[in-house]
Every structure is written in structure tokens, then in C-alpha cells.
PDB file of N, CA and C in Angstrom:
ATOM      1  N   MET A   1       5.326   5.488 -17.201  1.00  0.00           N
ATOM      2  CA  MET A   1       4.857   4.250 -15.612  1.00  0.00           C
ATOM      3  C   MET A   1       6.014   5.269 -14.906  1.00  0.00           C
ATOM      4  N   THR A   2       5.443   4.907 -13.188  1.00  0.00           N
ATOM      5  CA  THR A   2       5.992   4.845 -12.007  1.00  0.00           C
ATOM      6  C   THR A   2       5.381   3.786 -11.271  1.00  0.00           C
ATOM      7  N   THR A   3       6.276   2.754 -11.019  1.00  0.00           N
ATOM      8  CA  THR A   3       6.921   1.997 -10.190  1.00  0.00           C
ATOM      9  C   THR A   3       7.521   2.540  -8.632  1.00  0.00           C
ATOM     10  N   CYS A   4       6.324   1.396  -7.526  1.00  0.00           N
ATOM     11  CA  CYS A   4       6.007   1.265  -6.604  1.00  0.00           C
ATOM     12  C   CYS A   4       5.973   0.234  -5.641  1.00  0.00           C
ATOM     13  N   GLU A   5       7.267   0.140  -5.548  1.00  0.00           N
ATOM     14  CA  GLU A   5       6.921  -1.452  -4.474  1.00  0.00           C
ATOM     15  C   GLU A   5       7.497  -1.533  -3.340  1.00  0.00           C
ATOM     16  N   GLY A   6       6.485  -3.193  -2.479  1.00  0.00           N
ATOM     17  CA  GLY A   6       7.435  -2.832  -1.289  1.00  0.00           C
ATOM     18  C   GLY A   6       7.603  -3.911  -0.684  1.00  0.00           C
ATOM     19  N   THR A   7       7.267  -4.597   1.115  1.00  0.00           N
ATOM     20  CA  THR A   7       6.865  -5.806   1.761  1.00  0.00           C
ATOM     21  C   THR A   7       6.266  -4.471   2.571  1.00  0.00           C
ATOM     22  N   VAL A   8       5.273  -6.262   3.002  1.00  0.00           N
ATOM     23  CA  VAL A   8       3.863  -4.884   4.162  1.00  0.00           C
ATOM     24  C   VAL A   8       4.538  -6.497   5.598  1.00  0.00           C
ATOM     25  N   VAL A   9       4.772  -6.791   6.395  1.00  0.00           N
ATOM     26  CA  VAL A   9       4.116  -8.322   7.443  1.00  0.00           C
ATOM     27  C   VAL A   9       3.256  -7.229   8.304  1.00  0.00           C
ATOM     28  N   ASN A  10       2.579  -8.879   8.723  1.00  0.00           N
ATOM     29  CA  ASN A  10       1.451  -8.843   9.045  1.00  0.00           C
ATOM     30  C   ASN A  10       1.731  -9.378  10.634  1.00  0.00           C
ATOM     31  N   LEU A  11       1.502  -8.082  11.567  1.00  0.00           N
ATOM     32  CA  LEU A  11       2.240  -7.981  13.139  1.00  0.00           C
ATOM     33  C   LEU A  11       1.017  -8.427  13.690  1.00  0.00           C
ATOM     34  N   SER A  12      -0.282  -9.038  13.337  1.00  0.00           N
ATOM     35  CA  SER A  12      -1.235  -9.308  14.066  1.00  0.00           C
ATOM     36  C   SER A  12      -1.431 -10.809  14.941  1.00  0.00           C
ATOM     37  N   ALA A  13      -1.715 -11.442  15.401  1.00  0.00           N
ATOM     38  CA  ALA A  13      -1.836 -12.420  15.756  1.00  0.00           C
ATOM     39  C   ALA A  13      -3.411 -13.503  15.035  1.00  0.00           C
ATOM     40  N   ARG A  14      -3.363 -12.724  13.846  1.00  0.00           N
ATOM     41  CA  ARG A  14      -4.903 -12.725  12.696  1.00  0.00           C
ATOM     42  C   ARG A  14      -4.822 -13.043  11.838  1.00  0.00           C
ATOM     43  N   THR A  15      -5.305 -14.316  10.741  1.00  0.00           N
ATOM     44  CA  THR A  15      -4.740 -13.826   9.251  1.00  0.00           C
ATOM     45  C   THR A  15      -5.492 -13.531   8.969  1.00  0.00           C
ATOM     46  N   ILE A  16      -5.027 -12.014   8.119  1.00  0.00           N
ATOM     47  CA  ILE A  16      -5.940 -11.457   7.450  1.00  0.00           C
ATOM     48  C   ILE A  16      -6.159 -11.859   5.857  1.00  0.00           C
ATOM     49  N   GLU A  17      -7.250 -11.479   5.078  1.00  0.00           N
ATOM     50  CA  GLU A  17      -7.425 -11.565   3.983  1.00  0.00           C
ATOM     51  C   GLU A  17      -7.848 -10.579   2.515  1.00  0.00           C
ATOM     52  N   GLY A  18      -7.897 -10.752   2.249  1.00  0.00           N
ATOM     53  CA  GLY A  18      -7.646  -9.669   0.737  1.00  0.00           C
ATOM     54  C   GLY A  18      -6.976  -8.184   0.850  1.00  0.00           C
ATOM     55  N   VAL A  19      -6.383  -8.595   1.644  1.00  0.00           N
ATOM     56  CA  VAL A  19      -5.369  -7.323   2.202  1.00  0.00           C
ATOM     57  C   VAL A  19      -5.260  -6.752   1.012  1.00  0.00           C
ATOM     58  N   GLN A  20      -5.257  -5.203   0.752  1.00  0.00           N
ATOM     59  CA  GLN A  20      -5.039  -4.313  -0.708  1.00  0.00           C
ATOM     60  C   GLN A  20      -3.883  -3.090  -0.119  1.00  0.00           C
ATOM     61  N   VAL A  21      -2.839  -2.824  -1.384  1.00  0.00           N
ATOM     62  CA  VAL A  21      -1.930  -2.251  -0.509  1.00  0.00           C
ATOM     63  C   VAL A  21      -2.465  -0.440  -1.921  1.00  0.00           C
ATOM     64  N   VAL A  22      -2.470   0.585  -0.827  1.00  0.00           N
ATOM     65  CA  VAL A  22      -3.630   1.681  -1.780  1.00  0.00           C
ATOM     66  C   VAL A  22      -2.449   2.923  -1.114  1.00  0.00           C
ATOM     67  N   VAL A  23      -1.723   3.520  -2.746  1.00  0.00           N
ATOM     68  CA  VAL A  23      -0.621   4.883  -2.605  1.00  0.00           C
ATOM     69  C   VAL A  23      -1.539   5.602  -2.911  1.00  0.00           C
ATOM     70  N   GLU A  24      -1.156   6.184  -1.971  1.00  0.00           N
ATOM     71  CA  GLU A  24      -1.707   8.274  -2.883  1.00  0.00           C
ATOM     72  C   GLU A  24      -0.554   8.913  -3.335  1.00  0.00           C
ATOM     73  N   TRP A  25      -0.842   9.100  -4.732  1.00  0.00           N
ATOM     74  CA  TRP A  25       0.485  10.291  -4.889  1.00  0.00           C
ATOM     75  C   TRP A  25      -0.240  11.863  -4.469  1.00  0.00           C
ATOM     76  N   LEU A  26       1.098  12.787  -3.778  1.00  0.00           N
ATOM     77  CA  LEU A  26       0.833  14.105  -3.543  1.00  0.00           C
ATOM     78  C   LEU A  26       1.390  14.859  -4.092  1.00  0.00           C
ATOM     79  N   ASP A  27       1.131  16.177  -4.704  1.00  0.00           N
ATOM     80  CA  ASP A  27       1.300  17.463  -5.025  1.00  0.00           C
ATOM     81  C   ASP A  27       2.140  18.174  -4.007  1.00  0.00           C
ATOM     82  N   ASP A  28       2.873  18.846  -4.695  1.00  0.00           N
ATOM     83  CA  ASP A  28       3.739  19.245  -3.644  1.00  0.00           C
ATOM     84  C   ASP A  28       3.566  20.240  -2.453  1.00  0.00           C
ATOM     85  N   GLN A  29       1.958  20.418  -2.675  1.00  0.00           N
ATOM     86  CA  GLN A  29       1.124  21.317  -1.520  1.00  0.00           C
ATOM     87  C   GLN A  29       0.159  19.703  -1.123  1.00  0.00           C
ATOM     88  N   GLY A  30       0.581  18.598  -1.277  1.00  0.00           N
ATOM     89  CA  GLY A  30       0.136  17.976   0.099  1.00  0.00           C
ATOM     90  C   GLY A  30      -1.102  17.043  -0.573  1.00  0.00           C
ATOM     91  N   ALA A  31      -1.822  17.750  -0.925  1.00  0.00           N
ATOM     92  CA  ALA A  31      -3.665  17.670  -1.483  1.00  0.00           C
ATOM     93  C   ALA A  31      -2.357  16.242  -2.539  1.00  0.00           C
ATOM     94  N   VAL A  32      -3.292  15.028  -2.358  1.00  0.00           N
ATOM     95  CA  VAL A  32      -3.842  14.715  -3.094  1.00  0.00           C
ATOM     96  C   VAL A  32      -4.469  13.658  -4.759  1.00  0.00           C
ATOM     97  N   GLN A  33      -3.676  13.567  -5.843  1.00  0.00           N
ATOM     98  CA  GLN A  33      -3.671  14.507  -6.567  1.00  0.00           C
ATOM     99  C   GLN A  33      -4.262  12.505  -8.047  1.00  0.00           C
ATOM    100  N   ALA A  34      -3.833  11.634  -6.950  1.00  0.00           N
ATOM    101  CA  ALA A  34      -3.835  10.561  -7.580  1.00  0.00           C
ATOM    102  C   ALA A  34      -4.257   8.929  -6.929  1.00  0.00           C
ATOM    103  N   THR A  35      -4.046   8.181  -6.887  1.00  0.00           N
ATOM    104  CA  THR A  35      -4.002   7.185  -6.144  1.00  0.00           C
ATOM    105  C   THR A  35      -4.161   5.447  -7.236  1.00  0.00           C
ATOM    106  N   ASN A  36      -3.422   4.600  -6.182  1.00  0.00           N
ATOM    107  CA  ASN A  36      -2.959   3.491  -7.090  1.00  0.00           C
ATOM    108  C   ASN A  36      -3.509   2.349  -5.950  1.00  0.00           C
ATOM    109  N   SER A  37      -4.185   1.149  -5.818  1.00  0.00           N
ATOM    110  CA  SER A  37      -4.058   0.542  -5.232  1.00  0.00           C
ATOM    111  C   SER A  37      -4.337  -1.043  -6.202  1.00  0.00           C
ATOM    112  N   GLY A  38      -4.186  -2.230  -5.240  1.00  0.00           N
ATOM    113  CA  GLY A  38      -4.018  -3.665  -5.649  1.00  0.00           C
ATOM    114  C   GLY A  38      -3.447  -4.373  -5.011  1.00  0.00           C
ATOM    115  N   PRO A  39      -3.576  -5.638  -5.152  1.00  0.00           N
ATOM    116  CA  PRO A  39      -3.561  -6.493  -4.175  1.00  0.00           C
ATOM    117  C   PRO A  39      -2.490  -7.014  -3.873  1.00  0.00           C
ATOM    118  N   ILE A  40      -1.616  -7.522  -2.188  1.00  0.00           N
ATOM    119  CA  ILE A  40      -0.485  -8.182  -1.932  1.00  0.00           C
ATOM    120  C   ILE A  40      -0.409  -9.757  -2.531  1.00  0.00           C
ATOM    121  N   ASP A  41       0.628  -9.632  -2.667  1.00  0.00           N
ATOM    122  CA  ASP A  41       1.478 -11.271  -3.513  1.00  0.00           C
ATOM    123  C   ASP A  41      -0.147 -12.085  -2.789  1.00  0.00           C
ATOM    124  N   TYR A  42       0.791 -12.233  -1.616  1.00  0.00           N
ATOM    125  CA  TYR A  42       0.417 -13.184  -0.708  1.00  0.00           C
ATOM    126  C   TYR A  42      -1.510 -13.342  -0.255  1.00  0.00           C
ATOM    127  N   ASN A  43      -2.265 -14.380  -0.480  1.00  0.00           N
ATOM    128  CA  ASN A  43      -3.220 -14.126  -0.142  1.00  0.00           C
ATOM    129  C   ASN A  43      -3.877 -15.495   0.412  1.00  0.00           C
ATOM    130  N   PRO A  44      -4.287 -16.101   1.059  1.00  0.00           N
ATOM    131  CA  PRO A  44      -4.037 -14.527   3.120  1.00  0.00           C
ATOM    132  C   PRO A  44      -3.080 -14.239   3.369  1.00  0.00           C
ATOM    133  N   LEU A  45      -2.714 -13.434   4.150  1.00  0.00           N
ATOM    134  CA  LEU A  45      -1.551 -13.059   5.429  1.00  0.00           C
ATOM    135  C   LEU A  45      -1.669 -13.468   6.457  1.00  0.00           C
ATOM    136  N   LEU A  46      -0.719 -14.478   6.704  1.00  0.00           N
ATOM    137  CA  LEU A  46      -1.106 -15.394   8.178  1.00  0.00           C
ATOM    138  C   LEU A  46      -0.282 -14.197   9.137  1.00  0.00           C
ATOM    139  N   PRO A  47      -0.866 -14.561  10.890  1.00  0.00           N
ATOM    140  CA  PRO A  47       0.824 -13.627  11.572  1.00  0.00           C
ATOM    141  C   PRO A  47       2.001 -14.163  11.349  1.00  0.00           C
ATOM    142  N   GLY A  48       2.094 -12.496  11.414  1.00  0.00           N
ATOM    143  CA  GLY A  48       3.751 -12.912  11.160  1.00  0.00           C
ATOM    144  C   GLY A  48       4.311 -12.796   9.783  1.00  0.00           C
ATOM    145  N   GLN A  49       4.131 -13.057   8.905  1.00  0.00           N
ATOM    146  CA  GLN A  49       4.092 -13.747   7.462  1.00  0.00           C
ATOM    147  C   GLN A  49       4.433 -11.634   7.119  1.00  0.00           C
ATOM    148  N   GLU A  50       5.251 -12.434   6.015  1.00  0.00           N
ATOM    149  CA  GLU A  50       6.328 -10.605   5.210  1.00  0.00           C
ATOM    150  C   GLU A  50       5.700 -11.184   3.580  1.00  0.00           C
ATOM    151  N   SER A  51       4.965 -10.235   2.670  1.00  0.00           N
ATOM    152  CA  SER A  51       4.596 -10.065   1.847  1.00  0.00           C
ATOM    153  C   SER A  51       4.551  -8.756   0.504  1.00  0.00           C
ATOM    154  N   ALA A  52       5.521  -9.688  -0.782  1.00  0.00           N
ATOM    155  CA  ALA A  52       5.335  -8.597  -1.376  1.00  0.00           C
ATOM    156  C   ALA A  52       4.894  -7.830  -2.093  1.00  0.00           C
ATOM    157  N   TRP A  53       5.399  -6.734  -2.935  1.00  0.00           N
ATOM    158  CA  TRP A  53       3.834  -5.699  -3.296  1.00  0.00           C
ATOM    159  C   TRP A  53       4.543  -5.121  -4.331  1.00  0.00           C
ATOM    160  N   THR A  54       3.616  -4.599  -5.003  1.00  0.00           N
ATOM    161  CA  THR A  54       3.836  -3.437  -6.747  1.00  0.00           C
ATOM    162  C   THR A  54       2.877  -3.979  -7.765  1.00  0.00           C
ATOM    163  N   LEU A  55       3.136  -1.774  -6.830  1.00  0.00           N
ATOM    164  CA  LEU A  55       2.116  -0.967  -8.221  1.00  0.00           C
ATOM    165  C   LEU A  55       2.455  -0.149  -9.263  1.00  0.00           C
ATOM    166  N   VAL A  56       1.578  -0.163 -10.411  1.00  0.00           N
ATOM    167  CA  VAL A  56       2.368   0.865 -11.467  1.00  0.00           C
ATOM    168  C   VAL A  56       1.494   1.811 -11.746  1.00  0.00           C
ATOM    169  N   GLY A  57       1.553   3.172 -11.924  1.00  0.00           N
ATOM    170  CA  GLY A  57       0.587   3.998 -12.257  1.00  0.00           C
ATOM    171  C   GLY A  57       1.528   4.862 -13.206  1.00  0.00           C
ATOM    172  N   SER A  58       0.657   5.246 -13.380  1.00  0.00           N
ATOM    173  CA  SER A  58       1.166   6.936 -14.805  1.00  0.00           C
ATOM    174  C   SER A  58       2.126   7.864 -14.503  1.00  0.00           C
ATOM    175  N   TYR A  59       3.036   7.912 -15.158  1.00  0.00           N
ATOM    176  CA  TYR A  59       4.350   9.481 -14.086  1.00  0.00           C
ATOM    177  C   TYR A  59       3.579  10.762 -14.400  1.00  0.00           C
ATOM    178  N   ASN A  60       3.734  11.598 -13.087  1.00  0.00           N
ATOM    179  CA  ASN A  60       3.545  13.008 -13.352  1.00  0.00           C
ATOM    180  C   ASN A  60       4.560  13.396 -12.272  1.00  0.00           C
ATOM    181  N   PRO A  61       5.798  14.115 -12.710  1.00  0.00           N
ATOM    182  CA  PRO A  61       6.036  14.829 -12.546  1.00  0.00           C
ATOM    183  C   PRO A  61       6.215  15.360 -11.560  1.00  0.00           C
ATOM    184  N   ALA A  62       5.023  16.612 -11.123  1.00  0.00           N
ATOM    185  CA  ALA A  62       4.253  16.483 -10.368  1.00  0.00           C
ATOM    186  C   ALA A  62       4.066  16.454  -9.185  1.00  0.00           C
ATOM    187  N   LEU A  63       4.115  15.049  -9.006  1.00  0.00           N
ATOM    188  CA  LEU A  63       3.296  14.747  -8.173  1.00  0.00           C
ATOM    189  C   LEU A  63       4.956  13.840  -7.070  1.00  0.00           C
ATOM    190  N   THR A  64       5.285  14.855  -6.132  1.00  0.00           N
ATOM    191  CA  THR A  64       6.459  14.966  -5.559  1.00  0.00           C
ATOM    192  C   THR A  64       6.497  13.535  -4.122  1.00  0.00           C
ATOM    193  N   LYS A  65       5.005  12.955  -3.711  1.00  0.00           N
ATOM    194  CA  LYS A  65       5.351  12.323  -2.815  1.00  0.00           C
ATOM    195  C   LYS A  65       4.541  11.297  -3.143  1.00  0.00           C
ATOM    196  N   PHE A  66       4.772  10.944  -1.770  1.00  0.00           N
ATOM    197  CA  PHE A  66       2.515   9.521  -1.448  1.00  0.00           C
ATOM    198  C   PHE A  66       2.991   8.550  -0.561  1.00  0.00           C
ATOM    199  N   ILE A  67       1.507   8.215   0.205  1.00  0.00           N
ATOM    200  CA  ILE A  67       1.728   7.772   0.817  1.00  0.00           C
ATOM    201  C   ILE A  67       1.960   6.194   0.938  1.00  0.00           C
ATOM    202  N   VAL A  68       1.418   5.284   1.515  1.00  0.00           N
ATOM    203  CA  VAL A  68       1.549   4.043   1.808  1.00  0.00           C
ATOM    204  C   VAL A  68      -0.176   3.293   2.915  1.00  0.00           C
ATOM    205  N   SER A  69      -0.610   2.859   2.313  1.00  0.00           N
ATOM    206  CA  SER A  69      -1.889   1.960   3.601  1.00  0.00           C
ATOM    207  C   SER A  69      -2.196   0.945   3.019  1.00  0.00           C
ATOM    208  N   PHE A  70      -3.037  -0.029   3.467  1.00  0.00           N
ATOM    209  CA  PHE A  70      -3.477  -0.962   3.512  1.00  0.00           C
ATOM    210  C   PHE A  70      -4.542  -0.894   3.935  1.00  0.00           C
ATOM    211  N   ARG A  71      -5.657  -1.685   3.349  1.00  0.00           N
ATOM    212  CA  ARG A  71      -7.544  -2.150   3.685  1.00  0.00           C
ATOM    213  C   ARG A  71      -7.214  -3.477   3.474  1.00  0.00           C
ATOM    214  N   GLY A  72      -8.167  -4.022   3.568  1.00  0.00           N
ATOM    215  CA  GLY A  72      -8.930  -4.547   4.306  1.00  0.00           C
ATOM    216  C   GLY A  72     -10.118  -5.351   3.867  1.00  0.00           C
ATOM    217  N   PRO A  73     -11.092  -6.108   3.682  1.00  0.00           N
ATOM    218  CA  PRO A  73     -12.031  -5.929   3.376  1.00  0.00           C
ATOM    219  C   PRO A  73     -13.483  -5.258   4.034  1.00  0.00           C
ATOM    220  N   ALA A  74     -12.736  -5.541   5.518  1.00  0.00           N
ATOM    221  CA  ALA A  74     -13.743  -4.815   5.908  1.00  0.00           C
ATOM    222  C   ALA A  74     -13.086  -2.951   6.179  1.00  0.00           C
ATOM    223  N   GLY A  75     -12.062  -2.392   5.279  1.00  0.00           N
ATOM    224  CA  GLY A  75     -11.916  -1.109   5.643  1.00  0.00           C
ATOM    225  C   GLY A  75     -10.470  -1.275   5.512  1.00  0.00           C
ATOM    226  N   PRO A  76      -9.626  -0.012   6.635  1.00  0.00           N
ATOM    227  CA  PRO A  76      -8.367   1.054   6.319  1.00  0.00           C
ATOM    228  C   PRO A  76      -7.865  -0.356   7.843  1.00  0.00           C
ATOM    229  N   LEU A  77      -6.441  -0.577   7.353  1.00  0.00           N
ATOM    230  CA  LEU A  77      -6.140  -2.040   8.024  1.00  0.00           C
ATOM    231  C   LEU A  77      -4.802  -0.608   9.481  1.00  0.00           C
ATOM    232  N   ARG A  78      -4.729  -0.947   9.850  1.00  0.00           N
ATOM    233  CA  ARG A  78      -3.956   0.126  10.978  1.00  0.00           C
ATOM    234  C   ARG A  78      -2.736  -0.805  10.533  1.00  0.00           C
ATOM    235  N   SER A  79      -1.851   0.280   9.856  1.00  0.00           N
ATOM    236  CA  SER A  79      -0.379  -0.290   9.875  1.00  0.00           C
ATOM    237  C   SER A  79       1.126   1.124  10.800  1.00  0.00           C
ATOM    238  N   ARG A  80       2.084   0.192   9.871  1.00  0.00           N
ATOM    239  CA  ARG A  80       3.339   1.261  10.342  1.00  0.00           C
ATOM    240  C   ARG A  80       4.029   2.109   9.788  1.00  0.00           C
ATOM    241  N   ASP A  81       4.998   2.524   9.144  1.00  0.00           N
ATOM    242  CA  ASP A  81       5.980   2.733   8.428  1.00  0.00           C
ATOM    243  C   ASP A  81       7.382   2.907   8.828  1.00  0.00           C
ATOM    244  N   ASP A  82       8.147   1.601   8.318  1.00  0.00           N
ATOM    245  CA  ASP A  82       9.796   1.097   9.002  1.00  0.00           C
ATOM    246  C   ASP A  82       9.811   2.067   7.106  1.00  0.00           C
ATOM    247  N   ARG A  83      10.246   2.772   6.120  1.00  0.00           N
ATOM    248  CA  ARG A  83      11.194   2.916   5.716  1.00  0.00           C
ATOM    249  C   ARG A  83      12.357   3.949   6.344  1.00  0.00           C
TER     250      ARG A  83
END
């Protein structure tokens, strides 16, 4: 199993409900081979609030990269990766 975890901050001036984290696992060619998603810890996410998130997926040594994004009930949310 592989664990991916982090935090997300609501940088907008509005409350966001039902935020999901999405992790896409890529092979060495950059093709998406697996996707995991799940809720962040806080719902709703208030303006300026930070929430932790954790996803657990099957381990595959061929998947060498990942992309993290977020979505709400209406679709993808704009995000910024500050890793």
C-alpha cells in the first residue's frame, strides 16, 4: 500500500463544501495509470481554513509520479501546488 497525505488551504473568500482530493498516479511516460480520491478532513472548508487529507492506494513500483488536485460538487477546483 502507498499513502499520500498533505494539507489544503481554502484561499478563496467563500466556504467550500464537499471537497475531494484526487491523486492521479503516472507511469514514467506521464500516462495516468491509477486514480484515488476521497474527502478532505474538514467539511465545509471555511475561507482561510487548512485541512489535512490522506489517501491510501495499492503500491505499484511502475508508477513513479503523481498529480494532486481537488474537486467540489460542481467539478474541479482551482489549486496551487506549493510542495
